[in-house]
Each structure stands twice: as structure tokens, then as C-alpha cells.
């Protein structure tokens, strides 16, 4: 029997809209290439990107985030 793989951690909050100015998703702050290739990235690379996400928020006009 094959063991069940661990679920892939994702920052997705199911708000999928890409900001044209920054190129970031307004929900999770990832780029389209990051979103598309998420499952193929190593766990280490996903963790690196996850660590960068809070800082990326500042690249988006707060009005676009409803703030």
C-alpha cells in the first residue's frame, strides 16, 4: 500500500482576482506563475513564497483590497 501524501499547504483564500498593476492575486498575493505551478514546487520553495506574501501586500493599492 502507498502512504497517503501530506496535503499541500496553500495560501489560497478563494478570492481569485489578479491586480493588473502588481501582477499579484488580490486574495493570496501570489503571481499567476506561482499559482499555476504551486503543486509542482518543492515544499521548501512553497514555504519561501509563503514567507514573502505578507510583504507583497504593500504592493497593492489598499483600495483594491477594500481598505
N, C-alpha and C. Protein backbone atom coordinates (compact mmCIF):
# COMPACT_ATOMS: atom_id res chain seq x y z
N UNK A 1 0.82 -1.19 0.00
CA UNK A 1 0.00 0.00 0.00
C UNK A 1 0.87 1.25 0.00
N UNK A 2 0.46 2.23 -0.78
CA UNK A 2 1.17 3.50 -0.80
C UNK A 2 0.61 4.42 0.28
N UNK A 3 1.50 5.08 1.02
CA UNK A 3 1.01 6.01 2.04
C UNK A 3 0.34 7.22 1.37
N UNK A 4 -0.62 7.79 2.04
CA UNK A 4 -1.30 8.98 1.53
C UNK A 4 -0.36 10.17 1.67
N UNK A 5 -0.14 10.91 0.58
CA UNK A 5 0.77 12.06 0.69
C UNK A 5 0.16 13.16 1.56
N UNK A 6 1.03 13.92 2.18
CA UNK A 6 0.57 15.03 3.01
C UNK A 6 -0.09 16.09 2.12
N UNK A 7 -1.12 16.76 2.62
CA UNK A 7 -1.74 17.80 1.81
C UNK A 7 -0.76 18.96 1.56
N UNK A 8 -0.92 19.61 0.43
CA UNK A 8 -0.07 20.74 0.08
C UNK A 8 -0.62 21.99 0.76
N UNK A 9 0.22 22.66 1.50
CA UNK A 9 -0.15 23.91 2.17
C UNK A 9 -0.28 24.99 1.10
N UNK A 10 -1.34 25.78 1.19
CA UNK A 10 -1.57 26.84 0.21
C UNK A 10 -2.12 28.08 0.90
N UNK A 11 -1.77 29.27 0.39
CA UNK A 11 -2.31 30.50 0.95
C UNK A 11 -3.64 30.89 0.31
N UNK A 12 -4.15 30.08 -0.59
CA UNK A 12 -5.37 30.42 -1.33
C UNK A 12 -6.54 30.65 -0.37
N UNK A 13 -7.25 31.77 -0.60
CA UNK A 13 -8.44 32.09 0.19
C UNK A 13 -9.68 32.15 -0.70
N UNK A 14 -9.55 31.62 -1.92
CA UNK A 14 -10.64 31.53 -2.89
C UNK A 14 -11.16 32.91 -3.31
N UNK A 15 -10.27 33.90 -3.33
CA UNK A 15 -10.55 35.23 -3.88
C UNK A 15 -9.56 35.39 -5.03
N UNK A 16 -9.96 34.93 -6.19
CA UNK A 16 -9.03 34.86 -7.32
C UNK A 16 -9.25 36.01 -8.29
N UNK A 17 -8.48 37.06 -8.11
CA UNK A 17 -8.51 38.22 -9.00
C UNK A 17 -7.10 38.79 -9.00
N UNK A 18 -6.53 38.93 -10.20
CA UNK A 18 -5.16 39.41 -10.29
C UNK A 18 -5.16 40.92 -10.53
N UNK A 19 -4.40 41.62 -9.74
CA UNK A 19 -4.22 43.06 -9.86
C UNK A 19 -3.31 43.33 -11.05
N UNK A 20 -3.80 44.13 -11.99
CA UNK A 20 -3.02 44.41 -13.20
C UNK A 20 -1.74 45.18 -12.94
N UNK A 21 -1.73 46.03 -11.94
CA UNK A 21 -0.53 46.83 -11.66
C UNK A 21 0.59 46.00 -11.04
N UNK A 22 0.26 45.23 -10.03
CA UNK A 22 1.30 44.48 -9.31
C UNK A 22 1.50 43.08 -9.87
N UNK A 23 0.48 42.54 -10.55
CA UNK A 23 0.56 41.17 -11.04
C UNK A 23 0.32 40.14 -9.95
N UNK A 24 -0.21 40.59 -8.81
CA UNK A 24 -0.44 39.69 -7.68
C UNK A 24 -1.93 39.41 -7.51
N UNK A 25 -2.24 38.22 -7.05
CA UNK A 25 -3.61 37.87 -6.72
C UNK A 25 -4.05 38.71 -5.52
N UNK A 26 -5.25 39.27 -5.59
CA UNK A 26 -5.76 40.10 -4.50
C UNK A 26 -6.13 39.27 -3.27
N UNK A 27 -6.25 37.97 -3.42
CA UNK A 27 -6.58 37.11 -2.29
C UNK A 27 -5.38 36.55 -1.57
N UNK A 28 -4.41 36.05 -2.34
CA UNK A 28 -3.27 35.36 -1.70
C UNK A 28 -1.93 36.02 -1.94
N UNK A 29 -1.87 37.01 -2.85
CA UNK A 29 -0.66 37.77 -3.14
C UNK A 29 0.41 36.98 -3.90
N UNK A 30 0.00 35.87 -4.52
CA UNK A 30 0.94 35.13 -5.38
C UNK A 30 0.80 35.64 -6.81
N UNK A 31 1.82 35.36 -7.63
CA UNK A 31 1.78 35.68 -9.06
C UNK A 31 1.06 34.53 -9.78
N UNK A 32 0.64 34.79 -11.02
CA UNK A 32 0.00 33.72 -11.79
C UNK A 32 0.91 32.51 -11.99
N UNK A 33 2.20 32.70 -12.32
CA UNK A 33 3.06 31.52 -12.46
C UNK A 33 3.19 30.74 -11.14
N UNK A 34 3.22 31.44 -10.02
CA UNK A 34 3.30 30.74 -8.73
C UNK A 34 2.03 29.93 -8.48
N UNK A 35 0.89 30.54 -8.77
CA UNK A 35 -0.38 29.84 -8.58
C UNK A 35 -0.45 28.61 -9.47
N UNK A 36 -0.13 28.80 -10.76
CA UNK A 36 -0.22 27.69 -11.72
C UNK A 36 0.73 26.54 -11.40
N UNK A 37 1.90 26.86 -10.88
CA UNK A 37 2.89 25.81 -10.62
C UNK A 37 2.99 25.37 -9.18
N UNK A 38 2.07 25.82 -8.33
CA UNK A 38 2.15 25.58 -6.89
C UNK A 38 2.35 24.10 -6.54
N UNK A 39 1.59 23.23 -7.13
CA UNK A 39 1.66 21.80 -6.79
C UNK A 39 3.00 21.18 -7.19
N UNK A 40 3.67 21.76 -8.17
CA UNK A 40 4.94 21.21 -8.63
C UNK A 40 6.15 21.76 -7.87
N UNK A 41 5.95 22.82 -7.09
CA UNK A 41 7.07 23.39 -6.33
C UNK A 41 7.44 22.47 -5.17
N UNK A 42 8.67 22.57 -4.73
CA UNK A 42 9.08 21.81 -3.55
C UNK A 42 8.43 22.43 -2.32
N UNK A 43 8.33 21.68 -1.26
CA UNK A 43 7.78 22.20 -0.01
C UNK A 43 8.62 23.38 0.48
N UNK A 44 9.93 23.32 0.25
CA UNK A 44 10.81 24.40 0.68
C UNK A 44 10.53 25.68 -0.09
N UNK A 45 10.34 25.57 -1.42
CA UNK A 45 10.06 26.76 -2.23
C UNK A 45 8.69 27.34 -1.87
N UNK A 46 7.70 26.47 -1.64
CA UNK A 46 6.38 26.96 -1.21
C UNK A 46 6.50 27.72 0.10
N UNK A 47 7.30 27.21 1.04
CA UNK A 47 7.49 27.88 2.33
C UNK A 47 8.17 29.25 2.14
N UNK A 48 9.13 29.33 1.23
CA UNK A 48 9.80 30.60 0.95
C UNK A 48 8.79 31.63 0.43
N UNK A 49 7.96 31.21 -0.51
CA UNK A 49 6.96 32.11 -1.07
C UNK A 49 5.97 32.52 0.00
N UNK A 50 5.52 31.58 0.80
CA UNK A 50 4.57 31.89 1.87
C UNK A 50 5.15 32.94 2.82
N UNK A 51 6.43 32.87 3.09
CA UNK A 51 7.08 33.84 3.98
C UNK A 51 7.12 35.24 3.35
N UNK A 52 7.15 35.31 2.03
CA UNK A 52 7.20 36.59 1.31
C UNK A 52 5.84 37.26 1.20
N UNK A 53 4.77 36.51 1.30
CA UNK A 53 3.43 37.03 0.99
C UNK A 53 3.01 38.24 1.82
N UNK A 54 3.22 38.27 3.12
CA UNK A 54 2.79 39.46 3.88
C UNK A 54 3.41 40.76 3.37
N UNK A 55 4.66 40.73 2.97
CA UNK A 55 5.33 41.93 2.46
C UNK A 55 4.79 42.33 1.09
N UNK A 56 4.33 41.38 0.32
CA UNK A 56 3.82 41.67 -1.02
C UNK A 56 2.52 42.48 -0.96
N UNK A 57 1.79 42.33 0.11
CA UNK A 57 0.52 43.05 0.25
C UNK A 57 0.69 44.56 0.04
N UNK A 58 1.83 45.10 0.46
CA UNK A 58 2.07 46.53 0.35
C UNK A 58 2.22 46.98 -1.11
N UNK A 59 2.38 46.05 -2.03
CA UNK A 59 2.50 46.39 -3.45
C UNK A 59 1.14 46.62 -4.11
N UNK A 60 0.06 46.39 -3.37
CA UNK A 60 -1.30 46.53 -3.91
C UNK A 60 -1.96 47.74 -3.28
N UNK A 61 -2.60 48.55 -4.11
CA UNK A 61 -3.34 49.72 -3.63
C UNK A 61 -4.37 49.25 -2.62
N UNK A 62 -4.35 49.77 -1.39
CA UNK A 62 -5.28 49.32 -0.34
C UNK A 62 -6.75 49.42 -0.74
N UNK A 63 -7.09 50.35 -1.62
CA UNK A 63 -8.49 50.47 -2.06
C UNK A 63 -8.95 49.23 -2.81
N UNK A 64 -8.01 48.56 -3.49
CA UNK A 64 -8.35 47.34 -4.20
C UNK A 64 -8.61 46.18 -3.26
N UNK A 65 -8.15 46.33 -2.02
CA UNK A 65 -8.33 45.29 -1.00
C UNK A 65 -9.51 45.63 -0.09
N UNK A 66 -10.22 46.70 -0.43
CA UNK A 66 -11.37 47.09 0.39
C UNK A 66 -11.00 47.78 1.68
N UNK A 67 -9.80 48.35 1.73
CA UNK A 67 -9.33 49.02 2.96
C UNK A 67 -9.47 50.52 2.85
